[in-house]
Amino acid sequence: MKYLIVGLGNKGSEYENTRHNIGFKVAEKIAETLEASFNTSNFGWLAEGKHKGRKVFVLKPDTYMNLSGNAVKYWMQKENIPLENVLIITDDLALPFGTLRLKGKGSDAGHNGLKNINEVLQTQNYARLRFGISADFAAGRQVDYVLGTWNEEEAEKLTERIETFSKAALSFVFAGLNNTMSAFNGK
């Protein structure tokens, strides 16, 4: 069985430690756990590894957030990975900082990366692992907040939260969506 785990983010050092790039950070932790290295490939950086006998492709798209769907579709087709074996990791303003929410389908909730994936794949029926970044910004400052860096309190907790999200993603690969939702949602 093959799985595709996609951490959403934006390429470039100016985005590296921003809230919007949490998907990249979780993807990097997953690759580290799998002892797999990222290599430049079509539509991004790809790491290949195995988890409990299952082949896992971890992707950090280089298409910028708003065009992530092209990368997802390309690797699904290239590696013949079914939609039910795809997991998208993204930031979520609607959840308190560090909150984990795994769902098997749903709307884009205003997230441009998910919106593009929905358009390109022509479905909303894929698993997404949402990392809460909270919505602690003044009116009209959403872009600055999302593309801003973590505050001191968040930064202190970030390593542990990334570790938990990595474990949840790998649980999705081995234990499946429903078991992983039961074990990790809200944690």
C-alpha atoms as a PDB file:
ATOM      1  CA  MET A   1       0.000   0.000   0.000  1.00  0.00           C
ATOM      2  CA  LYS A   2       1.127   3.504  -0.797  1.00  0.00           C
ATOM      3  CA  TYR A   3       0.307   6.717   1.056  1.00  0.00           C
ATOM      4  CA  LEU A   4       0.821  10.380   0.222  1.00  0.00           C
ATOM      5  CA  ILE A   5       1.214  12.833   3.089  1.00  0.00           C
ATOM      6  CA  VAL A   6       1.311  16.456   1.964  1.00  0.00           C
ATOM      7  CA  GLY A   7       2.396  19.245   4.286  1.00  0.00           C
ATOM      8  CA  LEU A   8       1.167  22.583   2.982  1.00  0.00           C
ATOM      9  CA  GLY A   9       3.354  25.661   3.069  1.00  0.00           C
ATOM     10  CA  ASN A  10       5.181  28.219   0.973  1.00  0.00           C
ATOM     11  CA  LYS A  11       8.702  27.908  -0.397  1.00  0.00           C
ATOM     12  CA  GLY A  12      11.311  30.504   0.495  1.00  0.00           C
ATOM     13  CA  SER A  13      13.220  31.447   3.637  1.00  0.00           C
ATOM     14  CA  GLU A  14      10.883  34.368   4.343  1.00  0.00           C
ATOM     15  CA  TYR A  15       8.053  31.869   4.986  1.00  0.00           C
ATOM     16  CA  GLU A  16      10.057  29.150   6.733  1.00  0.00           C
ATOM     17  CA  ASN A  17       8.994  29.783  10.337  1.00  0.00           C
ATOM     18  CA  THR A  18       5.555  31.251   9.735  1.00  0.00           C
ATOM     19  CA  ARG A  19       2.258  29.887  10.990  1.00  0.00           C
ATOM     20  CA  HIS A  20       1.170  29.161   7.412  1.00  0.00           C
ATOM     21  CA  ASN A  21       4.118  26.776   6.983  1.00  0.00           C
ATOM     22  CA  ILE A  22       3.254  24.429   9.834  1.00  0.00           C
ATOM     23  CA  GLY A  23       2.415  21.754   7.251  1.00  0.00           C
ATOM     24  CA  PHE A  24       6.029  21.823   6.051  1.00  0.00           C
ATOM     25  CA  LYS A  25       7.296  21.513   9.644  1.00  0.00           C
ATOM     26  CA  VAL A  26       5.123  18.486  10.363  1.00  0.00           C
ATOM     27  CA  ALA A  27       6.149  16.912   7.027  1.00  0.00           C
ATOM     28  CA  GLU A  28       9.803  17.390   7.968  1.00  0.00           C
ATOM     29  CA  LYS A  29       9.233  15.622  11.304  1.00  0.00           C
ATOM     30  CA  ILE A  30       7.450  12.733   9.564  1.00  0.00           C
ATOM     31  CA  ALA A  31      10.355  12.337   7.118  1.00  0.00           C
ATOM     32  CA  GLU A  32      12.822  12.437  10.022  1.00  0.00           C
ATOM     33  CA  THR A  33      10.844   9.703  11.819  1.00  0.00           C
ATOM     34  CA  LEU A  34      10.894   7.598   8.642  1.00  0.00           C
ATOM     35  CA  GLU A  35      14.630   8.290   8.270  1.00  0.00           C
ATOM     36  CA  ALA A  36      13.887   9.635   4.803  1.00  0.00           C
ATOM     37  CA  SER A  37      15.468  12.659   3.132  1.00  0.00           C
ATOM     38  CA  PHE A  38      13.724  15.251   0.992  1.00  0.00           C
ATOM     39  CA  ASN A  39      14.886  15.518  -2.587  1.00  0.00           C
ATOM     40  CA  THR A  40      13.892  18.093  -5.154  1.00  0.00           C
ATOM     41  CA  SER A  41      11.372  16.548  -7.489  1.00  0.00           C
ATOM     42  CA  ASN A  42       8.392  17.480  -9.655  1.00  0.00           C
ATOM     43  CA  PHE A  43       6.154  19.991  -7.892  1.00  0.00           C
ATOM     44  CA  GLY A  44       8.203  20.085  -4.691  1.00  0.00           C
ATOM     45  CA  TRP A  45      10.381  18.202  -2.278  1.00  0.00           C
ATOM     46  CA  LEU A  46       9.652  14.525  -1.805  1.00  0.00           C
ATOM     47  CA  ALA A  47      10.787  12.050   0.838  1.00  0.00           C
ATOM     48  CA  GLU A  48      10.078   8.326   0.480  1.00  0.00           C
ATOM     49  CA  GLY A  49      10.041   5.924   3.375  1.00  0.00           C
ATOM     50  CA  LYS A  50       8.332   2.928   4.909  1.00  0.00           C
ATOM     51  CA  HIS A  51       6.133   2.763   7.983  1.00  0.00           C
ATOM     52  CA  LYS A  52       5.143  -0.682   9.257  1.00  0.00           C
ATOM     53  CA  GLY A  53       5.493  -2.164   5.780  1.00  0.00           C
ATOM     54  CA  ARG A  54       3.648   0.610   3.959  1.00  0.00           C
ATOM     55  CA  LYS A  55       5.290   2.939   1.469  1.00  0.00           C
ATOM     56  CA  VAL A  56       4.911   6.589   2.442  1.00  0.00           C
ATOM     57  CA  PHE A  57       5.571   9.585   0.215  1.00  0.00           C
ATOM     58  CA  VAL A  58       5.931  12.845   2.132  1.00  0.00           C
ATOM     59  CA  LEU A  59       5.568  15.947  -0.033  1.00  0.00           C
ATOM     60  CA  LYS A  60       6.263  19.628   0.526  1.00  0.00           C
ATOM     61  CA  PRO A  61       4.844  21.310  -2.595  1.00  0.00           C
ATOM     62  CA  ASP A  62       6.900  24.127  -4.125  1.00  0.00           C
ATOM     63  CA  THR A  63       3.872  25.531  -5.936  1.00  0.00           C
ATOM     64  CA  TYR A  64       3.052  28.049  -3.190  1.00  0.00           C
ATOM     65  CA  MET A  65       0.029  27.417  -1.026  1.00  0.00           C
ATOM     66  CA  ASN A  66      -2.617  28.599  -3.491  1.00  0.00           C
ATOM     67  CA  LEU A  67      -1.611  26.065  -6.180  1.00  0.00           C
ATOM     68  CA  SER A  68      -1.059  23.005  -3.975  1.00  0.00           C
ATOM     69  CA  GLY A  69      -3.633  20.938  -5.853  1.00  0.00           C
ATOM     70  CA  ASN A  70      -1.359  20.509  -8.865  1.00  0.00           C
ATOM     71  CA  ALA A  71       1.316  18.859  -6.727  1.00  0.00           C
ATOM     72  CA  VAL A  72      -1.168  16.594  -4.950  1.00  0.00           C
ATOM     73  CA  LYS A  73      -2.763  15.432  -8.197  1.00  0.00           C
ATOM     74  CA  TYR A  74       0.588  14.857  -9.910  1.00  0.00           C
ATOM     75  CA  TRP A  75       1.936  12.569  -7.158  1.00  0.00           C
ATOM     76  CA  MET A  76      -1.366  10.727  -6.731  1.00  0.00           C
ATOM     77  CA  GLN A  77      -1.328   9.908 -10.447  1.00  0.00           C
ATOM     78  CA  LYS A  78       2.397   9.220 -10.735  1.00  0.00           C
ATOM     79  CA  GLU A  79       2.431   6.763  -7.809  1.00  0.00           C
ATOM     80  CA  ASN A  80      -1.143   5.485  -8.319  1.00  0.00           C
ATOM     81  CA  ILE A  81      -2.186   6.481  -4.800  1.00  0.00           C
ATOM     82  CA  PRO A  82      -5.934   6.318  -4.110  1.00  0.00           C
ATOM     83  CA  LEU A  83      -7.677   9.337  -2.593  1.00  0.00           C
ATOM     84  CA  GLU A  84      -8.376   7.471   0.662  1.00  0.00           C
ATOM     85  CA  ASN A  85      -4.595   7.139   1.182  1.00  0.00           C
ATOM     86  CA  VAL A  86      -3.936  10.884   0.904  1.00  0.00           C
ATOM     87  CA  LEU A  87      -3.494  13.104   3.974  1.00  0.00           C
ATOM     88  CA  ILE A  88      -3.159  16.892   3.742  1.00  0.00           C
ATOM     89  CA  ILE A  89      -1.596  18.742   6.693  1.00  0.00           C
ATOM     90  CA  THR A  90      -2.537  22.388   7.025  1.00  0.00           C
ATOM     91  CA  ASP A  91      -2.893  25.330   9.391  1.00  0.00           C
ATOM     92  CA  ASP A  92      -6.336  26.334  10.705  1.00  0.00           C
ATOM     93  CA  LEU A  93      -7.336  29.743  12.083  1.00  0.00           C
ATOM     94  CA  ALA A  94     -10.574  28.392  13.562  1.00  0.00           C
ATOM     95  CA  LEU A  95      -8.799  26.134  16.065  1.00  0.00           C
ATOM     96  CA  PRO A  96      -6.918  27.203  19.211  1.00  0.00           C
ATOM     97  CA  PHE A  97      -3.124  27.013  18.959  1.00  0.00           C
ATOM     98  CA  GLY A  98      -1.821  23.460  18.703  1.00  0.00           C
ATOM     99  CA  THR A  99      -5.250  21.804  18.534  1.00  0.00           C
ATOM    100  CA  LEU A 100      -5.291  18.728  16.328  1.00  0.00           C
ATOM    101  CA  ARG A 101      -8.310  17.937  14.176  1.00  0.00           C
ATOM    102  CA  LEU A 102      -8.357  15.089  11.689  1.00  0.00           C
ATOM    103  CA  LYS A 103     -11.316  14.789   9.317  1.00  0.00           C
ATOM    104  CA  GLY A 104     -12.048  12.527   6.371  1.00  0.00           C
ATOM    105  CA  LYS A 105     -13.666  15.273   4.310  1.00  0.00           C
ATOM    106  CA  GLY A 106     -14.954  18.811   4.594  1.00  0.00           C
ATOM    107  CA  SER A 107     -14.955  22.305   3.217  1.00  0.00           C
ATOM    108  CA  ASP A 108     -11.869  24.406   2.636  1.00  0.00           C
ATOM    109  CA  ALA A 109     -12.975  26.722   5.500  1.00  0.00           C
ATOM    110  CA  GLY A 110     -11.505  29.654   3.569  1.00  0.00           C
ATOM    111  CA  HIS A 111      -8.043  28.067   3.309  1.00  0.00           C
ATOM    112  CA  ASN A 112      -6.631  28.788  -0.150  1.00  0.00           C
ATOM    113  CA  GLY A 113      -4.466  25.668  -0.251  1.00  0.00           C
ATOM    114  CA  LEU A 114      -7.429  23.398   0.481  1.00  0.00           C
ATOM    115  CA  LYS A 115      -9.598  25.408  -1.914  1.00  0.00           C
ATOM    116  CA  ASN A 116      -7.157  24.717  -4.751  1.00  0.00           C
ATOM    117  CA  ILE A 117      -6.863  21.029  -3.864  1.00  0.00           C
ATOM    118  CA  ASN A 118     -10.677  20.766  -3.908  1.00  0.00           C
ATOM    119  CA  GLU A 119     -10.792  22.438  -7.347  1.00  0.00           C
ATOM    120  CA  VAL A 120      -8.031  20.327  -8.883  1.00  0.00           C
ATOM    121  CA  LEU A 121      -9.201  16.996  -7.431  1.00  0.00           C
ATOM    122  CA  GLN A 122     -12.881  17.893  -7.961  1.00  0.00           C
ATOM    123  CA  THR A 123     -13.732  16.609  -4.475  1.00  0.00           C
ATOM    124  CA  GLN A 124     -13.608  17.509  -0.792  1.00  0.00           C
ATOM    125  CA  ASN A 125     -13.490  13.859   0.238  1.00  0.00           C
ATOM    126  CA  TYR A 126      -9.893  13.488   1.358  1.00  0.00           C
ATOM    127  CA  ALA A 127      -8.342  13.387   4.808  1.00  0.00           C
ATOM    128  CA  ARG A 128      -6.971  16.565   6.268  1.00  0.00           C
ATOM    129  CA  LEU A 129      -5.029  17.056   9.470  1.00  0.00           C
ATOM    130  CA  ARG A 130      -5.577  20.603  10.720  1.00  0.00           C
ATOM    131  CA  PHE A 131      -3.103  22.327  13.049  1.00  0.00           C
ATOM    132  CA  GLY A 132      -4.756  25.076  15.079  1.00  0.00           C
ATOM    133  CA  ILE A 133      -2.966  28.415  14.857  1.00  0.00           C
ATOM    134  CA  SER A 134      -5.800  30.392  16.559  1.00  0.00           C
ATOM    135  CA  ALA A 135      -7.090  33.713  15.266  1.00  0.00           C
ATOM    136  CA  ASP A 136      -5.378  36.177  17.567  1.00  0.00           C
ATOM    137  CA  PHE A 137      -5.213  39.162  15.215  1.00  0.00           C
ATOM    138  CA  ALA A 138      -6.899  42.518  14.766  1.00  0.00           C
ATOM    139  CA  ALA A 139      -9.468  43.117  12.028  1.00  0.00           C
ATOM    140  CA  GLY A 140      -7.832  43.294   8.617  1.00  0.00           C
ATOM    141  CA  ARG A 141      -4.566  41.729   9.853  1.00  0.00           C
ATOM    142  CA  GLN A 142      -5.194  38.081   8.945  1.00  0.00           C
ATOM    143  CA  VAL A 143      -2.522  37.885   6.237  1.00  0.00           C
ATOM    144  CA  ASP A 144       0.104  39.433   8.539  1.00  0.00           C
ATOM    145  CA  TYR A 145      -0.842  36.992  11.288  1.00  0.00           C
ATOM    146  CA  VAL A 146      -0.843  33.860   9.129  1.00  0.00           C
ATOM    147  CA  LEU A 147       2.448  34.842   7.490  1.00  0.00           C
ATOM    148  CA  GLY A 148       3.884  35.942  10.837  1.00  0.00           C
ATOM    149  CA  THR A 149       6.159  33.961  13.119  1.00  0.00           C
ATOM    150  CA  TRP A 150       5.124  32.173  16.295  1.00  0.00           C
ATOM    151  CA  ASN A 151       4.966  34.145  19.527  1.00  0.00           C
ATOM    152  CA  GLU A 152       7.183  33.109  22.442  1.00  0.00           C
ATOM    153  CA  GLU A 153       4.537  31.012  24.196  1.00  0.00           C
ATOM    154  CA  GLU A 154       3.658  29.170  20.969  1.00  0.00           C
ATOM    155  CA  ALA A 155       7.309  28.634  20.075  1.00  0.00           C
ATOM    156  CA  GLU A 156       7.909  26.899  23.431  1.00  0.00           C
ATOM    157  CA  LYS A 157       5.167  24.338  22.714  1.00  0.00           C
ATOM    158  CA  LEU A 158       5.788  23.907  19.004  1.00  0.00           C
ATOM    159  CA  THR A 159       8.237  20.979  19.106  1.00  0.00           C
ATOM    160  CA  GLU A 160       5.870  18.850  21.191  1.00  0.00           C
ATOM    161  CA  ARG A 161       2.875  19.719  19.006  1.00  0.00           C
ATOM    162  CA  ILE A 162       4.764  18.896  15.796  1.00  0.00           C
ATOM    163  CA  GLU A 163       5.753  15.538  17.318  1.00  0.00           C
ATOM    164  CA  THR A 164       2.104  14.756  18.139  1.00  0.00           C
ATOM    165  CA  PHE A 165       0.975  15.687  14.636  1.00  0.00           C
ATOM    166  CA  SER A 166       3.695  13.500  13.124  1.00  0.00           C
ATOM    167  CA  LYS A 167       2.492  10.557  15.220  1.00  0.00           C
ATOM    168  CA  ALA A 168      -1.096  11.201  14.123  1.00  0.00           C
ATOM    169  CA  ALA A 169      -0.091  11.261  10.451  1.00  0.00           C
ATOM    170  CA  LEU A 170       1.754   7.964  10.762  1.00  0.00           C
ATOM    171  CA  SER A 171      -1.180   6.503  12.693  1.00  0.00           C
ATOM    172  CA  PHE A 172      -3.349   7.421   9.688  1.00  0.00           C
ATOM    173  CA  VAL A 173      -1.032   5.306   7.527  1.00  0.00           C
ATOM    174  CA  PHE A 174      -1.135   2.240   9.773  1.00  0.00           C
ATOM    175  CA  ALA A 175      -4.343   2.416  11.840  1.00  0.00           C
ATOM    176  CA  GLY A 176      -6.587   4.223   9.357  1.00  0.00           C
ATOM    177  CA  LEU A 177      -8.689   7.358   9.505  1.00  0.00           C
ATOM    178  CA  ASN A 178     -11.331   6.394  12.075  1.00  0.00           C
ATOM    179  CA  ASN A 179      -8.928   4.863  14.602  1.00  0.00           C
ATOM    180  CA  THR A 180      -6.609   7.852  14.288  1.00  0.00           C
ATOM    181  CA  MET A 181      -9.477  10.310  14.708  1.00  0.00           C
ATOM    182  CA  SER A 182     -10.543   8.514  17.906  1.00  0.00           C
ATOM    183  CA  ALA A 183      -7.024   8.430  19.273  1.00  0.00           C
ATOM    184  CA  PHE A 184      -5.860  11.949  18.402  1.00  0.00           C
ATOM    185  CA  ASN A 185      -8.678  14.462  17.772  1.00  0.00           C
ATOM    186  CA  GLY A 186      -8.708  17.247  20.321  1.00  0.00           C
ATOM    187  CA  LYS A 187      -5.384  16.178  21.801  1.00  0.00           C
END
